[in-house]
Amino acid sequence: MYGEERRQAILGRARDEGRVEVAALAGAFDVTYETVRRDLTLLERQGVLRRVHGGAIPIERLGFEPALPQRDTVMTEEKERIAEAALAELPEEGTVLLDAGSTTRRLAERLPADRELTVVTNSLPIAAAVSARPNLTPLLIGGQVRPRTQAAVGPWAARLLEQTYVDVGFIATNGVSAERGLTTPDTSEAETKRLMVRAARRTVLLADRTKVGNDQFARFADLADVDCLITDGGLDRGVADELEAAGPRVVLA
């Protein structure tokens, strides 16, 4: 395969999967890591990829927040495994908070029937899923609903969260890195997430590997604020170690 053909294949994979990693590309195209890094650098200079730690992401992801139905079709198997692993972080009883997101919704659908839990959420889809379960008590945070994420945000949501304290908060993010912490594109959503982290005795971050290194506009927490990060097993172990050194216990699902 010629270099230009390989680079176009790399770009296509990045757009399909949301992220590409140096090690995986080297194996797939039977070339050295240095060759892949040069390819990624050339693609970055062309303005179609952005280099991140261990790989690259397509430039169209930057500054663009996909709607919930779009996010729900990406990394589905990985999100299922993350949600399953998150069950181990649930309390036997008490109150949990579920942030809006496609992975947290999968966790909501798996909440066990043998536990009496109060579930606080700002997500309309999660509230609907929880309300059908007789052993769960849903509490819906009110506020302005963002159509893109179906999440309630703004001053009403902030006032309630400032008076809330839960046993475990399960938080979603658009980006996470050891350098920038947890980030998201929208400032109102960032403020709501910041208050969610503050309202939780323990914070569990649910984020597949496409979020790692994909820093966004608005920062809402440091990795030191997170007790546990659950991601998928496709994340490079070295990157996982860097994240863990910044604070949270990292679980590869």
C-alpha atoms as a PDB file:
ATOM      1  CA  MET A   1       0.000   0.000   0.000  1.00  0.00           C
ATOM      2  CA  TYR A   2       1.312   3.437  -0.934  1.00  0.00           C
ATOM      3  CA  GLY A   3       1.672   6.064   1.791  1.00  0.00           C
ATOM      4  CA  GLU A   4      -1.181   8.220   0.501  1.00  0.00           C
ATOM      5  CA  GLU A   5      -3.500   5.220   0.361  1.00  0.00           C
ATOM      6  CA  ARG A   6      -2.543   4.297   3.919  1.00  0.00           C
ATOM      7  CA  ARG A   7      -3.182   7.811   5.154  1.00  0.00           C
ATOM      8  CA  GLN A   8      -6.623   7.885   3.535  1.00  0.00           C
ATOM      9  CA  ALA A   9      -7.402   4.545   5.179  1.00  0.00           C
ATOM     10  CA  ILE A  10      -6.266   5.955   8.527  1.00  0.00           C
ATOM     11  CA  LEU A  11      -8.496   9.000   8.045  1.00  0.00           C
ATOM     12  CA  GLY A  12     -11.468   6.783   7.149  1.00  0.00           C
ATOM     13  CA  ARG A  13     -10.932   4.675  10.250  1.00  0.00           C
ATOM     14  CA  ALA A  14     -10.683   7.776  12.434  1.00  0.00           C
ATOM     15  CA  ARG A  15     -13.980   9.096  11.105  1.00  0.00           C
ATOM     16  CA  ASP A  16     -15.708   5.736  11.526  1.00  0.00           C
ATOM     17  CA  GLU A  17     -14.421   5.014  15.038  1.00  0.00           C
ATOM     18  CA  GLY A  18     -13.966   8.525  16.438  1.00  0.00           C
ATOM     19  CA  ARG A  19     -10.286   7.914  17.278  1.00  0.00           C
ATOM     20  CA  VAL A  20      -7.273   5.992  16.031  1.00  0.00           C
ATOM     21  CA  GLU A  21      -4.302   4.767  18.047  1.00  0.00           C
ATOM     22  CA  VAL A  22      -0.702   4.416  16.934  1.00  0.00           C
ATOM     23  CA  ALA A  23      -0.226   0.855  18.166  1.00  0.00           C
ATOM     24  CA  ALA A  24      -3.390  -0.449  16.498  1.00  0.00           C
ATOM     25  CA  LEU A  25      -2.593   1.278  13.197  1.00  0.00           C
ATOM     26  CA  ALA A  26       0.957  -0.069  13.148  1.00  0.00           C
ATOM     27  CA  GLY A  27      -0.387  -3.591  13.546  1.00  0.00           C
ATOM     28  CA  ALA A  28      -3.189  -3.144  11.029  1.00  0.00           C
ATOM     29  CA  PHE A  29      -0.927  -1.775   8.272  1.00  0.00           C
ATOM     30  CA  ASP A  30       2.205  -3.727   9.218  1.00  0.00           C
ATOM     31  CA  VAL A  31       4.362  -0.613   9.552  1.00  0.00           C
ATOM     32  CA  THR A  32       6.443   0.878  12.350  1.00  0.00           C
ATOM     33  CA  TYR A  33       5.148   3.203  15.025  1.00  0.00           C
ATOM     34  CA  GLU A  34       7.309   5.974  13.541  1.00  0.00           C
ATOM     35  CA  THR A  35       5.674   5.530  10.134  1.00  0.00           C
ATOM     36  CA  VAL A  36       2.245   5.867  11.708  1.00  0.00           C
ATOM     37  CA  ARG A  37       3.312   8.944  13.656  1.00  0.00           C
ATOM     38  CA  ARG A  38       4.579  10.566  10.442  1.00  0.00           C
ATOM     39  CA  ASP A  39       1.271   9.728   8.742  1.00  0.00           C
ATOM     40  CA  LEU A  40      -0.676  11.311  11.593  1.00  0.00           C
ATOM     41  CA  THR A  41       1.525  14.400  11.504  1.00  0.00           C
ATOM     42  CA  LEU A  42       0.918  14.804   7.763  1.00  0.00           C
ATOM     43  CA  LEU A  43      -2.827  14.377   8.219  1.00  0.00           C
ATOM     44  CA  GLU A  44      -2.771  16.942  11.015  1.00  0.00           C
ATOM     45  CA  ARG A  45      -0.970  19.411   8.738  1.00  0.00           C
ATOM     46  CA  GLN A  46      -3.703  18.824   6.163  1.00  0.00           C
ATOM     47  CA  GLY A  47      -6.243  19.863   8.789  1.00  0.00           C
ATOM     48  CA  VAL A  48      -8.201  16.598   8.871  1.00  0.00           C
ATOM     49  CA  LEU A  49      -6.889  15.059  12.123  1.00  0.00           C
ATOM     50  CA  ARG A  50      -5.671  16.339  15.459  1.00  0.00           C
ATOM     51  CA  ARG A  51      -2.929  14.476  17.283  1.00  0.00           C
ATOM     52  CA  VAL A  52      -3.745  13.391  20.839  1.00  0.00           C
ATOM     53  CA  HIS A  53      -1.789  11.250  23.259  1.00  0.00           C
ATOM     54  CA  GLY A  54      -1.266   7.845  21.671  1.00  0.00           C
ATOM     55  CA  GLY A  55      -3.182   8.569  18.484  1.00  0.00           C
ATOM     56  CA  ALA A  56      -5.461  11.092  16.769  1.00  0.00           C
ATOM     57  CA  ILE A  57      -9.080  12.188  16.411  1.00  0.00           C
ATOM     58  CA  PRO A  58     -10.897  13.539  13.319  1.00  0.00           C
ATOM     59  CA  ILE A  59     -10.980  17.311  13.177  1.00  0.00           C
ATOM     60  CA  GLU A  60     -14.759  17.377  12.684  1.00  0.00           C
ATOM     61  CA  ARG A  61     -15.184  16.251  16.285  1.00  0.00           C
ATOM     62  CA  LEU A  62     -13.585  19.447  17.553  1.00  0.00           C
ATOM     63  CA  GLY A  63     -16.086  22.089  18.544  1.00  0.00           C
ATOM     64  CA  PHE A  64     -18.959  19.826  17.557  1.00  0.00           C
ATOM     65  CA  GLU A  65     -21.135  18.131  20.101  1.00  0.00           C
ATOM     66  CA  PRO A  66     -22.985  15.151  18.596  1.00  0.00           C
ATOM     67  CA  ALA A  67     -26.620  14.697  19.569  1.00  0.00           C
ATOM     68  CA  LEU A  68     -27.590  11.889  21.929  1.00  0.00           C
ATOM     69  CA  PRO A  69     -28.946   9.556  19.201  1.00  0.00           C
ATOM     70  CA  GLN A  70     -25.638   9.889  17.308  1.00  0.00           C
ATOM     71  CA  ARG A  71     -23.546   9.178  20.403  1.00  0.00           C
ATOM     72  CA  ASP A  72     -25.723   6.184  21.185  1.00  0.00           C
ATOM     73  CA  THR A  73     -24.578   4.403  18.013  1.00  0.00           C
ATOM     74  CA  VAL A  74     -20.827   4.830  18.635  1.00  0.00           C
ATOM     75  CA  MET A  75     -18.689   2.421  20.714  1.00  0.00           C
ATOM     76  CA  THR A  76     -21.827   0.514  21.694  1.00  0.00           C
ATOM     77  CA  GLU A  77     -20.132  -2.705  22.831  1.00  0.00           C
ATOM     78  CA  GLU A  78     -17.611  -0.762  24.875  1.00  0.00           C
ATOM     79  CA  LYS A  79     -20.341   1.293  26.536  1.00  0.00           C
ATOM     80  CA  GLU A  80     -22.237  -1.877  27.397  1.00  0.00           C
ATOM     81  CA  ARG A  81     -19.154  -3.293  29.127  1.00  0.00           C
ATOM     82  CA  ILE A  82     -18.509  -0.028  30.976  1.00  0.00           C
ATOM     83  CA  ALA A  83     -22.092   0.065  32.240  1.00  0.00           C
ATOM     84  CA  GLU A  84     -21.843  -3.549  33.380  1.00  0.00           C
ATOM     85  CA  ALA A  85     -18.607  -2.846  35.257  1.00  0.00           C
ATOM     86  CA  ALA A  86     -20.173   0.216  36.882  1.00  0.00           C
ATOM     87  CA  LEU A  87     -22.654  -2.002  38.746  1.00  0.00           C
ATOM     88  CA  ALA A  88     -19.834  -2.931  41.131  1.00  0.00           C
ATOM     89  CA  GLU A  89     -19.681   0.710  42.274  1.00  0.00           C
ATOM     90  CA  LEU A  90     -23.341   0.867  43.337  1.00  0.00           C
ATOM     91  CA  PRO A  91     -24.188   1.040  47.052  1.00  0.00           C
ATOM     92  CA  GLU A  92     -26.357  -1.642  48.589  1.00  0.00           C
ATOM     93  CA  GLU A  93     -28.907   1.066  49.341  1.00  0.00           C
ATOM     94  CA  GLY A  94     -29.052   4.825  49.333  1.00  0.00           C
ATOM     95  CA  THR A  95     -28.912   7.544  46.697  1.00  0.00           C
ATOM     96  CA  VAL A  96     -27.082   7.642  43.387  1.00  0.00           C
ATOM     97  CA  LEU A  97     -26.807  10.370  40.785  1.00  0.00           C
ATOM     98  CA  LEU A  98     -26.792   9.570  37.070  1.00  0.00           C
ATOM     99  CA  ASP A  99     -25.513  12.289  34.773  1.00  0.00           C
ATOM    100  CA  ALA A 100     -26.996  12.577  31.275  1.00  0.00           C
ATOM    101  CA  GLY A 101     -25.221  10.417  28.704  1.00  0.00           C
ATOM    102  CA  SER A 102     -25.443   7.328  26.518  1.00  0.00           C
ATOM    103  CA  THR A 103     -23.292   5.206  28.853  1.00  0.00           C
ATOM    104  CA  THR A 104     -25.045   6.345  32.039  1.00  0.00           C
ATOM    105  CA  ARG A 105     -28.369   5.464  30.399  1.00  0.00           C
ATOM    106  CA  ARG A 106     -27.103   1.940  29.876  1.00  0.00           C
ATOM    107  CA  LEU A 107     -26.235   1.805  33.568  1.00  0.00           C
ATOM    108  CA  ALA A 108     -29.757   2.993  34.437  1.00  0.00           C
ATOM    109  CA  GLU A 109     -31.208   0.119  32.424  1.00  0.00           C
ATOM    110  CA  ARG A 110     -29.067  -2.346  34.419  1.00  0.00           C
ATOM    111  CA  LEU A 111     -29.816  -1.124  37.937  1.00  0.00           C
ATOM    112  CA  PRO A 112     -30.523  -4.278  39.988  1.00  0.00           C
ATOM    113  CA  ALA A 113     -34.050  -5.148  41.031  1.00  0.00           C
ATOM    114  CA  ASP A 114     -32.977  -6.293  44.496  1.00  0.00           C
ATOM    115  CA  ARG A 115     -31.844  -2.870  45.769  1.00  0.00           C
ATOM    116  CA  GLU A 116     -33.889   0.076  46.949  1.00  0.00           C
ATOM    117  CA  LEU A 117     -32.199   3.080  45.415  1.00  0.00           C
ATOM    118  CA  THR A 118     -33.090   6.723  44.975  1.00  0.00           C
ATOM    119  CA  VAL A 119     -31.874   7.840  41.554  1.00  0.00           C
ATOM    120  CA  VAL A 120     -31.237  11.540  40.979  1.00  0.00           C
ATOM    121  CA  THR A 121     -30.770  12.550  37.342  1.00  0.00           C
ATOM    122  CA  ASN A 122     -30.941  15.509  34.994  1.00  0.00           C
ATOM    123  CA  SER A 123     -31.580  13.236  32.002  1.00  0.00           C
ATOM    124  CA  LEU A 124     -35.071  12.839  30.564  1.00  0.00           C
ATOM    125  CA  PRO A 125     -34.332   9.397  29.015  1.00  0.00           C
ATOM    126  CA  ILE A 126     -32.820   8.112  32.261  1.00  0.00           C
ATOM    127  CA  ALA A 127     -35.734   9.419  34.332  1.00  0.00           C
ATOM    128  CA  ALA A 128     -38.167   7.645  31.993  1.00  0.00           C
ATOM    129  CA  ALA A 129     -36.229   4.372  32.259  1.00  0.00           C
ATOM    130  CA  VAL A 130     -35.991   4.521  36.055  1.00  0.00           C
ATOM    131  CA  SER A 131     -39.639   5.499  36.574  1.00  0.00           C
ATOM    132  CA  ALA A 132     -40.758   2.098  35.242  1.00  0.00           C
ATOM    133  CA  ARG A 133     -38.881   0.236  38.002  1.00  0.00           C
ATOM    134  CA  PRO A 134     -40.834  -0.312  41.263  1.00  0.00           C
ATOM    135  CA  ASN A 135     -37.702  -0.657  43.439  1.00  0.00           C
ATOM    136  CA  LEU A 136     -36.242   2.665  42.270  1.00  0.00           C
ATOM    137  CA  THR A 137     -37.276   6.165  43.317  1.00  0.00           C
ATOM    138  CA  PRO A 138     -36.505   8.662  40.547  1.00  0.00           C
ATOM    139  CA  LEU A 139     -35.846  12.332  41.316  1.00  0.00           C
ATOM    140  CA  LEU A 140     -35.648  14.466  38.180  1.00  0.00           C
ATOM    141  CA  ILE A 141     -33.548  17.622  38.310  1.00  0.00           C
ATOM    142  CA  GLY A 142     -35.411  20.461  36.629  1.00  0.00           C
ATOM    143  CA  GLY A 143     -34.109  23.243  34.431  1.00  0.00           C
ATOM    144  CA  GLN A 144     -33.633  24.209  30.822  1.00  0.00           C
ATOM    145  CA  VAL A 145     -33.513  21.032  28.721  1.00  0.00           C
ATOM    146  CA  ARG A 146     -30.795  20.998  26.062  1.00  0.00           C
ATOM    147  CA  PRO A 147     -32.251  19.292  22.951  1.00  0.00           C
ATOM    148  CA  ARG A 148     -28.845  17.920  21.924  1.00  0.00           C
ATOM    149  CA  THR A 149     -28.269  15.993  25.162  1.00  0.00           C
ATOM    150  CA  GLN A 150     -31.774  15.828  26.710  1.00  0.00           C
ATOM    151  CA  ALA A 151     -30.159  17.150  29.906  1.00  0.00           C
ATOM    152  CA  ALA A 152     -31.604  19.738  32.303  1.00  0.00           C
ATOM    153  CA  VAL A 153     -29.127  22.529  33.006  1.00  0.00           C
ATOM    154  CA  GLY A 154     -29.086  26.137  34.169  1.00  0.00           C
ATOM    155  CA  PRO A 155     -29.989  27.998  37.387  1.00  0.00           C
ATOM    156  CA  TRP A 156     -32.901  25.737  38.400  1.00  0.00           C
ATOM    157  CA  ALA A 157     -30.715  22.655  38.132  1.00  0.00           C
ATOM    158  CA  ALA A 158     -27.921  24.427  40.006  1.00  0.00           C
ATOM    159  CA  ARG A 159     -30.151  25.393  42.939  1.00  0.00           C
ATOM    160  CA  LEU A 160     -31.265  21.795  43.446  1.00  0.00           C
ATOM    161  CA  LEU A 161     -27.785  20.335  43.112  1.00  0.00           C
ATOM    162  CA  GLU A 162     -26.385  22.815  45.647  1.00  0.00           C
ATOM    163  CA  GLN A 163     -28.769  21.264  48.196  1.00  0.00           C
ATOM    164  CA  THR A 164     -28.124  17.642  47.201  1.00  0.00           C
ATOM    165  CA  TYR A 165     -25.688  15.056  48.606  1.00  0.00           C
ATOM    166  CA  VAL A 166     -25.609  11.526  47.175  1.00  0.00           C
ATOM    167  CA  ASP A 167     -23.665   8.369  47.961  1.00  0.00           C
ATOM    168  CA  VAL A 168     -22.282   7.860  44.445  1.00  0.00           C
ATOM    169  CA  GLY A 169     -22.351  10.074  41.376  1.00  0.00           C
ATOM    170  CA  PHE A 170     -21.917   8.462  37.948  1.00  0.00           C
ATOM    171  CA  ILE A 171     -20.637  11.192  35.646  1.00  0.00           C
ATOM    172  CA  ALA A 172     -20.282  11.381  31.865  1.00  0.00           C
ATOM    173  CA  THR A 173     -17.809  13.540  29.951  1.00  0.00           C
ATOM    174  CA  ASN A 174     -16.908  14.515  26.401  1.00  0.00           C
ATOM    175  CA  GLY A 175     -13.192  14.681  27.151  1.00  0.00           C
ATOM    176  CA  VAL A 176     -10.743  13.521  29.806  1.00  0.00           C
ATOM    177  CA  SER A 177      -6.992  13.852  30.073  1.00  0.00           C
ATOM    178  CA  ALA A 178      -4.330  13.982  32.748  1.00  0.00           C
ATOM    179  CA  GLU A 179      -3.461  17.525  31.636  1.00  0.00           C
ATOM    180  CA  ARG A 180      -6.921  19.101  31.328  1.00  0.00           C
ATOM    181  CA  GLY A 181      -9.118  16.953  33.536  1.00  0.00           C
ATOM    182  CA  LEU A 182     -12.780  16.527  32.573  1.00  0.00           C
ATOM    183  CA  THR A 183     -14.172  18.738  29.817  1.00  0.00           C
ATOM    184  CA  THR A 184     -17.335  19.274  27.783  1.00  0.00           C
ATOM    185  CA  PRO A 185     -18.248  21.670  24.921  1.00  0.00           C
ATOM    186  CA  ASP A 186     -21.125  23.549  26.600  1.00  0.00           C
ATOM    187  CA  THR A 187     -20.585  25.898  29.546  1.00  0.00           C
ATOM    188  CA  SER A 188     -24.040  25.376  31.046  1.00  0.00           C
ATOM    189  CA  GLU A 189     -23.575  21.627  30.948  1.00  0.00           C
ATOM    190  CA  ALA A 190     -20.105  22.042  32.467  1.00  0.00           C
ATOM    191  CA  GLU A 191     -21.513  23.993  35.418  1.00  0.00           C
ATOM    192  CA  THR A 192     -24.151  21.326  36.040  1.00  0.00           C
ATOM    193  CA  LYS A 193     -21.536  18.569  35.935  1.00  0.00           C
ATOM    194  CA  ARG A 194     -19.278  20.539  38.282  1.00  0.00           C
ATOM    195  CA  LEU A 195     -22.068  20.691  40.851  1.00  0.00           C
ATOM    196  CA  MET A 196     -22.816  16.987  40.372  1.00  0.00           C
ATOM    197  CA  VAL A 197     -19.223  16.098  41.221  1.00  0.00           C
ATOM    198  CA  ARG A 198     -19.414  18.326  44.299  1.00  0.00           C
ATOM    199  CA  ALA A 199     -22.718  16.732  45.367  1.00  0.00           C
ATOM    200  CA  ALA A 200     -21.334  13.169  45.420  1.00  0.00           C
ATOM    201  CA  ARG A 201     -19.574  11.422  48.287  1.00  0.00           C
ATOM    202  CA  ARG A 202     -17.882   9.243  45.629  1.00  0.00           C
ATOM    203  CA  THR A 203     -17.536  10.123  41.938  1.00  0.00           C
ATOM    204  CA  VAL A 204     -17.343   7.445  39.237  1.00  0.00           C
ATOM    205  CA  LEU A 205     -16.524   8.612  35.714  1.00  0.00           C
ATOM    206  CA  LEU A 206     -17.863   6.511  32.808  1.00  0.00           C
ATOM    207  CA  ALA A 207     -15.928   7.270  29.611  1.00  0.00           C
ATOM    208  CA  ASP A 208     -14.951   5.109  26.659  1.00  0.00           C
ATOM    209  CA  ARG A 209     -11.482   5.518  25.187  1.00  0.00           C
ATOM    210  CA  THR A 210     -12.559   7.974  22.446  1.00  0.00           C
ATOM    211  CA  LYS A 211     -13.006  10.553  25.224  1.00  0.00           C
ATOM    212  CA  VAL A 212      -9.405  10.192  26.404  1.00  0.00           C
ATOM    213  CA  GLY A 213      -7.239  13.050  25.129  1.00  0.00           C
ATOM    214  CA  ASN A 214     -10.222  14.676  23.411  1.00  0.00           C
ATOM    215  CA  ASP A 215     -10.121  17.927  25.409  1.00  0.00           C
ATOM    216  CA  GLN A 216     -13.143  20.200  25.012  1.00  0.00           C
ATOM    217  CA  PHE A 217     -13.881  23.872  25.686  1.00  0.00           C
ATOM    218  CA  ALA A 218     -15.235  23.911  29.250  1.00  0.00           C
ATOM    219  CA  ARG A 219     -13.473  22.213  32.147  1.00  0.00           C
ATOM    220  CA  PHE A 220     -15.647  21.006  35.017  1.00  0.00           C
ATOM    221  CA  ALA A 221     -13.428  18.807  37.226  1.00  0.00           C
ATOM    222  CA  ASP A 222      -9.912  17.543  37.798  1.00  0.00           C
ATOM    223  CA  LEU A 223      -9.035  13.874  37.690  1.00  0.00           C
ATOM    224  CA  ALA A 224      -8.174  14.219  41.378  1.00  0.00           C
ATOM    225  CA  ASP A 225     -11.913  14.835  41.978  1.00  0.00           C
ATOM    226  CA  VAL A 226     -12.735  11.384  40.554  1.00  0.00           C
ATOM    227  CA  ASP A 227     -12.586   8.255  42.702  1.00  0.00           C
ATOM    228  CA  CYS A 228     -12.935   5.727  39.896  1.00  0.00           C
ATOM    229  CA  LEU A 229     -12.692   5.942  36.101  1.00  0.00           C
ATOM    230  CA  ILE A 230     -14.300   3.086  34.181  1.00  0.00           C
ATOM    231  CA  THR A 231     -13.274   2.919  30.534  1.00  0.00           C
ATOM    232  CA  ASP A 232     -13.006   0.175  27.944  1.00  0.00           C
ATOM    233  CA  GLY A 233     -10.243  -2.381  27.606  1.00  0.00           C
ATOM    234  CA  GLY A 234      -9.102  -0.895  24.307  1.00  0.00           C
ATOM    235  CA  LEU A 235      -7.370   1.974  26.085  1.00  0.00           C
ATOM    236  CA  ASP A 236      -3.579   1.752  26.022  1.00  0.00           C
ATOM    237  CA  ARG A 237      -2.310   0.531  29.397  1.00  0.00           C
ATOM    238  CA  GLY A 238       0.320   3.262  29.507  1.00  0.00           C
ATOM    239  CA  VAL A 239      -2.333   5.945  29.042  1.00  0.00           C
ATOM    240  CA  ALA A 240      -4.458   4.282  31.739  1.00  0.00           C
ATOM    241  CA  ASP A 241      -1.486   4.427  34.111  1.00  0.00           C
ATOM    242  CA  GLU A 242      -1.055   8.154  33.428  1.00  0.00           C
ATOM    243  CA  LEU A 243      -4.721   8.775  34.226  1.00  0.00           C
ATOM    244  CA  GLU A 244      -4.478   6.686  37.375  1.00  0.00           C
ATOM    245  CA  ALA A 245      -1.416   8.607  38.523  1.00  0.00           C
ATOM    246  CA  ALA A 246      -3.534  11.774  38.367  1.00  0.00           C
ATOM    247  CA  GLY A 247      -5.961  10.450  40.973  1.00  0.00           C
ATOM    248  CA  PRO A 248      -8.668   7.917  40.125  1.00  0.00           C
ATOM    249  CA  ARG A 249      -8.600   4.142  40.237  1.00  0.00           C
ATOM    250  CA  VAL A 250      -8.898   3.066  36.587  1.00  0.00           C
ATOM    251  CA  VAL A 251     -10.991   0.051  35.598  1.00  0.00           C
ATOM    252  CA  LEU A 252     -10.617  -1.342  32.063  1.00  0.00           C
ATOM    253  CA  ALA A 253     -13.889  -3.055  31.161  1.00  0.00           C
END
